[in-house]
Amino acid sequence: MSQPNYNQPYQYPNYPNVQQNNSLEHFHGSKFKEKSTIYGVIGFFFLGIVFGPLAIANAKKAEALHHSATLGKVLGWFDTITSALGLLIFLLIVLPAAFGGAINAAALTAPSRAS
């Protein structure tokens, strides 16, 4: 049985993606990751229905290039869902209330043809 040799310097483990850090693929993946996060944050404050899907699409491209873009994807889905719900509430509640009152008032003031 051999004894471990403690005089040897520590060797770092050989990670498979160490050599790809300077590649063009790595660069594009990190750019897609950054863009998805930026689009997600912009969509959180302004036009989420537009910037949410952009964040999701860029996060998918980043993940295809082996980058984790979880923040961009989560923000993108949050932006898209909350904007869609806000638009739905606007269309179902605010518009009928605004135009329903005008239609009812016009119907009450119109002369009837029953003679």
N, C-alpha and C. Protein backbone atom coordinates (compact mmCIF):
# COMPACT_ATOMS: atom_id res chain seq x y z
N MET A 1 0.84 -1.16 0.00
CA MET A 1 0.00 0.00 0.00
C MET A 1 0.89 1.23 0.00
N SER A 2 0.61 2.13 -0.92
CA SER A 2 1.48 3.30 -1.03
C SER A 2 0.91 4.47 -0.24
N GLN A 3 1.79 5.26 0.26
CA GLN A 3 1.41 6.44 1.02
C GLN A 3 1.24 7.63 0.05
N PRO A 4 0.27 8.53 0.31
CA PRO A 4 0.13 9.70 -0.57
C PRO A 4 1.34 10.61 -0.43
N ASN A 5 1.74 11.17 -1.53
CA ASN A 5 2.88 12.06 -1.55
C ASN A 5 2.38 13.49 -1.32
N TYR A 6 2.69 14.05 -0.17
CA TYR A 6 2.20 15.38 0.19
C TYR A 6 3.11 16.49 -0.34
N ASN A 7 4.16 16.17 -1.00
CA ASN A 7 5.06 17.18 -1.52
C ASN A 7 4.64 17.69 -2.90
N GLN A 8 3.68 17.03 -3.53
CA GLN A 8 3.23 17.47 -4.85
C GLN A 8 2.29 18.67 -4.70
N PRO A 9 2.37 19.63 -5.63
CA PRO A 9 1.46 20.78 -5.56
C PRO A 9 0.03 20.35 -5.88
N TYR A 10 -0.91 21.13 -5.38
CA TYR A 10 -2.33 20.83 -5.61
C TYR A 10 -2.67 21.03 -7.08
N GLN A 11 -3.38 20.08 -7.64
CA GLN A 11 -3.78 20.17 -9.03
C GLN A 11 -5.28 20.45 -9.09
N TYR A 12 -5.64 21.46 -9.87
CA TYR A 12 -7.05 21.80 -10.03
C TYR A 12 -7.72 20.78 -10.92
N PRO A 13 -8.99 20.51 -10.68
CA PRO A 13 -9.69 19.55 -11.53
C PRO A 13 -9.82 20.09 -12.96
N ASN A 14 -9.85 19.20 -13.89
CA ASN A 14 -9.95 19.56 -15.29
C ASN A 14 -11.42 19.69 -15.66
N TYR A 15 -11.91 20.93 -15.75
CA TYR A 15 -13.29 21.16 -16.13
C TYR A 15 -13.41 21.14 -17.66
N PRO A 16 -14.50 20.58 -18.18
CA PRO A 16 -14.59 20.42 -19.64
C PRO A 16 -14.77 21.74 -20.40
N ASN A 17 -15.35 22.76 -19.80
CA ASN A 17 -15.64 23.99 -20.53
C ASN A 17 -14.60 25.08 -20.33
N VAL A 18 -13.46 24.77 -19.72
CA VAL A 18 -12.46 25.78 -19.45
C VAL A 18 -11.89 26.35 -20.74
N GLN A 19 -11.71 25.53 -21.74
CA GLN A 19 -11.11 25.99 -22.99
C GLN A 19 -12.09 26.75 -23.86
N GLN A 20 -13.37 26.70 -23.60
CA GLN A 20 -14.36 27.38 -24.42
C GLN A 20 -14.64 28.80 -23.94
N ASN A 21 -14.03 29.25 -22.87
CA ASN A 21 -14.34 30.57 -22.33
C ASN A 21 -13.95 31.70 -23.27
N ASN A 22 -13.01 31.50 -24.15
CA ASN A 22 -12.60 32.54 -25.07
C ASN A 22 -13.17 32.35 -26.47
N SER A 23 -14.09 31.43 -26.63
CA SER A 23 -14.62 31.15 -27.95
C SER A 23 -15.72 32.14 -28.32
N LEU A 24 -16.03 32.19 -29.58
CA LEU A 24 -17.09 33.06 -30.08
C LEU A 24 -18.45 32.60 -29.56
N GLU A 25 -18.62 31.30 -29.42
CA GLU A 25 -19.88 30.75 -28.89
C GLU A 25 -20.11 31.23 -27.46
N HIS A 26 -19.08 31.24 -26.66
CA HIS A 26 -19.19 31.70 -25.28
C HIS A 26 -19.54 33.19 -25.25
N PHE A 27 -18.93 33.96 -26.14
CA PHE A 27 -19.21 35.40 -26.21
C PHE A 27 -20.66 35.65 -26.58
N HIS A 28 -21.17 34.96 -27.60
CA HIS A 28 -22.56 35.15 -28.01
C HIS A 28 -23.53 34.71 -26.91
N GLY A 29 -23.22 33.62 -26.24
CA GLY A 29 -24.08 33.17 -25.15
C GLY A 29 -24.17 34.17 -24.02
N SER A 30 -23.04 34.78 -23.67
CA SER A 30 -23.07 35.76 -22.60
C SER A 30 -23.80 37.02 -23.03
N LYS A 31 -23.72 37.39 -24.30
CA LYS A 31 -24.46 38.56 -24.80
C LYS A 31 -25.96 38.30 -24.78
N PHE A 32 -26.39 37.12 -25.19
CA PHE A 32 -27.81 36.78 -25.14
C PHE A 32 -28.30 36.77 -23.70
N LYS A 33 -27.48 36.30 -22.79
CA LYS A 33 -27.84 36.29 -21.37
C LYS A 33 -28.02 37.71 -20.85
N GLU A 34 -27.10 38.61 -21.20
CA GLU A 34 -27.20 40.00 -20.77
C GLU A 34 -28.43 40.68 -21.37
N LYS A 35 -28.67 40.44 -22.67
CA LYS A 35 -29.82 41.07 -23.31
C LYS A 35 -31.13 40.57 -22.72
N SER A 36 -31.21 39.30 -22.37
CA SER A 36 -32.46 38.79 -21.79
C SER A 36 -32.73 39.42 -20.43
N THR A 37 -31.68 39.63 -19.65
CA THR A 37 -31.86 40.29 -18.36
C THR A 37 -32.26 41.75 -18.54
N ILE A 38 -31.63 42.44 -19.47
CA ILE A 38 -31.95 43.85 -19.71
C ILE A 38 -33.39 43.99 -20.21
N TYR A 39 -33.79 43.15 -21.17
CA TYR A 39 -35.16 43.21 -21.67
C TYR A 39 -36.16 42.88 -20.57
N GLY A 40 -35.83 41.94 -19.70
CA GLY A 40 -36.72 41.59 -18.60
C GLY A 40 -36.91 42.74 -17.61
N VAL A 41 -35.83 43.46 -17.31
CA VAL A 41 -35.93 44.58 -16.38
C VAL A 41 -36.69 45.74 -17.03
N ILE A 42 -36.42 46.03 -18.30
CA ILE A 42 -37.15 47.10 -18.99
C ILE A 42 -38.64 46.76 -19.05
N GLY A 43 -38.95 45.51 -19.38
CA GLY A 43 -40.35 45.08 -19.45
C GLY A 43 -41.05 45.11 -18.11
N PHE A 44 -40.30 45.03 -17.03
CA PHE A 44 -40.89 45.11 -15.70
C PHE A 44 -41.49 46.50 -15.45
N PHE A 45 -40.90 47.53 -16.07
CA PHE A 45 -41.36 48.89 -15.86
C PHE A 45 -42.12 49.48 -17.03
N PHE A 46 -41.87 48.99 -18.25
CA PHE A 46 -42.41 49.66 -19.43
C PHE A 46 -42.64 48.65 -20.54
N LEU A 47 -43.84 48.58 -21.07
CA LEU A 47 -44.20 47.71 -22.20
C LEU A 47 -43.78 46.26 -22.01
N GLY A 48 -44.28 45.66 -20.95
CA GLY A 48 -43.96 44.27 -20.68
C GLY A 48 -44.44 43.31 -21.74
N ILE A 49 -45.52 43.67 -22.44
CA ILE A 49 -46.06 42.79 -23.47
C ILE A 49 -45.10 42.71 -24.67
N VAL A 50 -44.21 43.68 -24.81
CA VAL A 50 -43.22 43.69 -25.90
C VAL A 50 -41.89 43.11 -25.42
N PHE A 51 -41.41 43.62 -24.28
CA PHE A 51 -40.08 43.23 -23.82
C PHE A 51 -40.05 41.86 -23.13
N GLY A 52 -41.18 41.38 -22.64
CA GLY A 52 -41.23 40.05 -22.03
C GLY A 52 -40.87 38.94 -23.01
N PRO A 53 -41.57 38.88 -24.17
CA PRO A 53 -41.19 37.85 -25.15
C PRO A 53 -39.77 38.01 -25.68
N LEU A 54 -39.28 39.25 -25.78
CA LEU A 54 -37.89 39.44 -26.20
C LEU A 54 -36.93 38.84 -25.17
N ALA A 55 -37.24 39.02 -23.90
CA ALA A 55 -36.39 38.45 -22.85
C ALA A 55 -36.43 36.93 -22.89
N ILE A 56 -37.60 36.35 -23.11
CA ILE A 56 -37.72 34.89 -23.18
C ILE A 56 -36.94 34.34 -24.37
N ALA A 57 -37.05 34.99 -25.52
CA ALA A 57 -36.36 34.52 -26.73
C ALA A 57 -34.84 34.58 -26.56
N ASN A 58 -34.35 35.67 -25.96
CA ASN A 58 -32.90 35.77 -25.76
C ASN A 58 -32.41 34.80 -24.71
N ALA A 59 -33.23 34.51 -23.71
CA ALA A 59 -32.85 33.51 -22.70
C ALA A 59 -32.76 32.12 -23.33
N LYS A 60 -33.67 31.81 -24.25
CA LYS A 60 -33.60 30.51 -24.93
C LYS A 60 -32.35 30.40 -25.78
N LYS A 61 -31.99 31.51 -26.46
CA LYS A 61 -30.76 31.49 -27.26
C LYS A 61 -29.53 31.31 -26.37
N ALA A 62 -29.53 31.97 -25.21
CA ALA A 62 -28.40 31.84 -24.29
C ALA A 62 -28.30 30.42 -23.76
N GLU A 63 -29.43 29.82 -23.43
CA GLU A 63 -29.40 28.45 -22.92
C GLU A 63 -29.01 27.45 -24.00
N ALA A 64 -29.30 27.77 -25.26
CA ALA A 64 -28.86 26.90 -26.34
C ALA A 64 -27.33 26.93 -26.47
N LEU A 65 -26.72 28.03 -26.03
CA LEU A 65 -25.27 28.17 -26.06
C LEU A 65 -24.65 27.87 -24.70
N HIS A 66 -25.35 27.13 -23.86
CA HIS A 66 -24.88 26.62 -22.57
C HIS A 66 -24.62 27.73 -21.55
N HIS A 67 -25.49 28.74 -21.53
CA HIS A 67 -25.43 29.77 -20.50
C HIS A 67 -26.75 29.75 -19.75
N SER A 68 -26.67 29.89 -18.45
CA SER A 68 -27.87 29.93 -17.64
C SER A 68 -28.43 31.35 -17.65
N ALA A 69 -29.65 31.50 -18.17
CA ALA A 69 -30.30 32.81 -18.25
C ALA A 69 -31.62 32.77 -17.50
N THR A 70 -31.58 32.26 -16.30
CA THR A 70 -32.80 32.08 -15.52
C THR A 70 -33.46 33.40 -15.17
N LEU A 71 -32.68 34.40 -14.80
CA LEU A 71 -33.26 35.69 -14.42
C LEU A 71 -34.00 36.32 -15.59
N GLY A 72 -33.41 36.32 -16.77
CA GLY A 72 -34.08 36.88 -17.94
C GLY A 72 -35.34 36.13 -18.30
N LYS A 73 -35.29 34.80 -18.17
CA LYS A 73 -36.48 34.00 -18.50
C LYS A 73 -37.61 34.24 -17.51
N VAL A 74 -37.29 34.29 -16.22
CA VAL A 74 -38.32 34.51 -15.19
C VAL A 74 -38.91 35.91 -15.33
N LEU A 75 -38.06 36.91 -15.51
CA LEU A 75 -38.57 38.27 -15.70
C LEU A 75 -39.41 38.38 -16.97
N GLY A 76 -38.97 37.71 -18.03
CA GLY A 76 -39.72 37.74 -19.28
C GLY A 76 -41.11 37.14 -19.13
N TRP A 77 -41.20 35.99 -18.47
CA TRP A 77 -42.52 35.38 -18.25
C TRP A 77 -43.38 36.23 -17.32
N PHE A 78 -42.77 36.80 -16.30
CA PHE A 78 -43.52 37.67 -15.38
C PHE A 78 -44.05 38.89 -16.13
N ASP A 79 -43.21 39.51 -16.94
CA ASP A 79 -43.63 40.68 -17.72
C ASP A 79 -44.77 40.33 -18.67
N THR A 80 -44.63 39.22 -19.36
CA THR A 80 -45.63 38.83 -20.34
C THR A 80 -46.97 38.52 -19.69
N ILE A 81 -46.94 37.77 -18.61
CA ILE A 81 -48.19 37.37 -17.94
C ILE A 81 -48.88 38.57 -17.30
N THR A 82 -48.12 39.41 -16.58
CA THR A 82 -48.76 40.55 -15.93
C THR A 82 -49.26 41.57 -16.95
N SER A 83 -48.56 41.75 -18.04
CA SER A 83 -49.04 42.68 -19.08
C SER A 83 -50.28 42.15 -19.76
N ALA A 84 -50.31 40.86 -20.04
CA ALA A 84 -51.49 40.25 -20.67
C ALA A 84 -52.69 40.34 -19.74
N LEU A 85 -52.49 40.10 -18.45
CA LEU A 85 -53.60 40.23 -17.50
C LEU A 85 -54.07 41.67 -17.38
N GLY A 86 -53.14 42.60 -17.37
CA GLY A 86 -53.51 44.02 -17.32
C GLY A 86 -54.30 44.44 -18.55
N LEU A 87 -53.87 43.97 -19.71
CA LEU A 87 -54.59 44.28 -20.95
C LEU A 87 -55.98 43.64 -20.94
N LEU A 88 -56.08 42.43 -20.44
CA LEU A 88 -57.38 41.75 -20.36
C LEU A 88 -58.32 42.48 -19.41
N ILE A 89 -57.82 42.90 -18.27
CA ILE A 89 -58.64 43.65 -17.32
C ILE A 89 -59.10 44.96 -17.95
N PHE A 90 -58.19 45.63 -18.66
CA PHE A 90 -58.56 46.88 -19.33
C PHE A 90 -59.66 46.65 -20.35
N LEU A 91 -59.53 45.59 -21.14
CA LEU A 91 -60.52 45.34 -22.19
C LEU A 91 -61.87 44.88 -21.63
N LEU A 92 -61.86 44.16 -20.53
CA LEU A 92 -63.11 43.61 -19.99
C LEU A 92 -63.81 44.52 -19.00
N ILE A 93 -63.07 45.41 -18.35
CA ILE A 93 -63.69 46.23 -17.31
C ILE A 93 -63.74 47.71 -17.68
N VAL A 94 -62.63 48.26 -18.06
CA VAL A 94 -62.56 49.70 -18.28
C VAL A 94 -63.29 50.12 -19.55
N LEU A 95 -63.06 49.45 -20.66
CA LEU A 95 -63.71 49.85 -21.91
C LEU A 95 -65.23 49.70 -21.88
N PRO A 96 -65.77 48.58 -21.40
CA PRO A 96 -67.23 48.51 -21.33
C PRO A 96 -67.83 49.55 -20.37
N ALA A 97 -67.14 49.87 -19.32
CA ALA A 97 -67.65 50.89 -18.40
C ALA A 97 -67.65 52.26 -19.06
N ALA A 98 -66.63 52.55 -19.83
CA ALA A 98 -66.54 53.86 -20.49
C ALA A 98 -67.54 53.97 -21.63
N PHE A 99 -67.62 52.97 -22.49
CA PHE A 99 -68.52 53.05 -23.63
C PHE A 99 -69.93 52.57 -23.30
N GLY A 100 -70.09 51.77 -22.28
CA GLY A 100 -71.42 51.32 -21.89
C GLY A 100 -72.28 52.46 -21.40
N GLY A 101 -71.68 53.37 -20.65
CA GLY A 101 -72.44 54.53 -20.18
C GLY A 101 -72.84 55.42 -21.33
N ALA A 102 -72.01 55.59 -22.33
CA ALA A 102 -72.33 56.43 -23.48
C ALA A 102 -73.42 55.78 -24.33
N ILE A 103 -73.37 54.47 -24.46
CA ILE A 103 -74.38 53.77 -25.26
C ILE A 103 -75.73 53.82 -24.56
N ASN A 104 -75.76 53.62 -23.26
CA ASN A 104 -77.02 53.67 -22.52
C ASN A 104 -77.61 55.07 -22.53
N ALA A 105 -76.78 56.10 -22.43
CA ALA A 105 -77.29 57.46 -22.45
C ALA A 105 -77.86 57.79 -23.82
N ALA A 106 -77.25 57.31 -24.88
CA ALA A 106 -77.77 57.56 -26.23
C ALA A 106 -79.08 56.81 -26.45
N ALA A 107 -79.20 55.64 -25.88
CA ALA A 107 -80.43 54.87 -26.03
C ALA A 107 -81.59 55.52 -25.27
N LEU A 108 -81.31 56.17 -24.17
CA LEU A 108 -82.37 56.81 -23.39
C LEU A 108 -82.85 58.10 -24.04
N THR A 109 -81.99 58.80 -24.74
CA THR A 109 -82.38 60.08 -25.33
C THR A 109 -82.90 59.94 -26.74
N ALA A 110 -82.77 58.79 -27.35
CA ALA A 110 -83.25 58.62 -28.72
C ALA A 110 -84.77 58.58 -28.73
N PRO A 111 -85.38 59.25 -29.69
CA PRO A 111 -86.85 59.21 -29.75
C PRO A 111 -87.32 57.82 -30.19
N SER A 112 -88.41 57.41 -29.65
CA SER A 112 -88.93 56.09 -30.00
C SER A 112 -89.82 56.22 -31.22
N ARG A 113 -89.91 55.19 -32.02
CA ARG A 113 -90.71 55.19 -33.26
C ARG A 113 -92.09 54.57 -33.05
N ALA A 114 -92.36 54.16 -31.85
CA ALA A 114 -93.66 53.53 -31.61
C ALA A 114 -94.75 54.59 -31.53
N SER A 115 -95.64 54.65 -32.52
CA SER A 115 -96.73 55.63 -32.51
C SER A 115 -98.04 54.94 -32.60
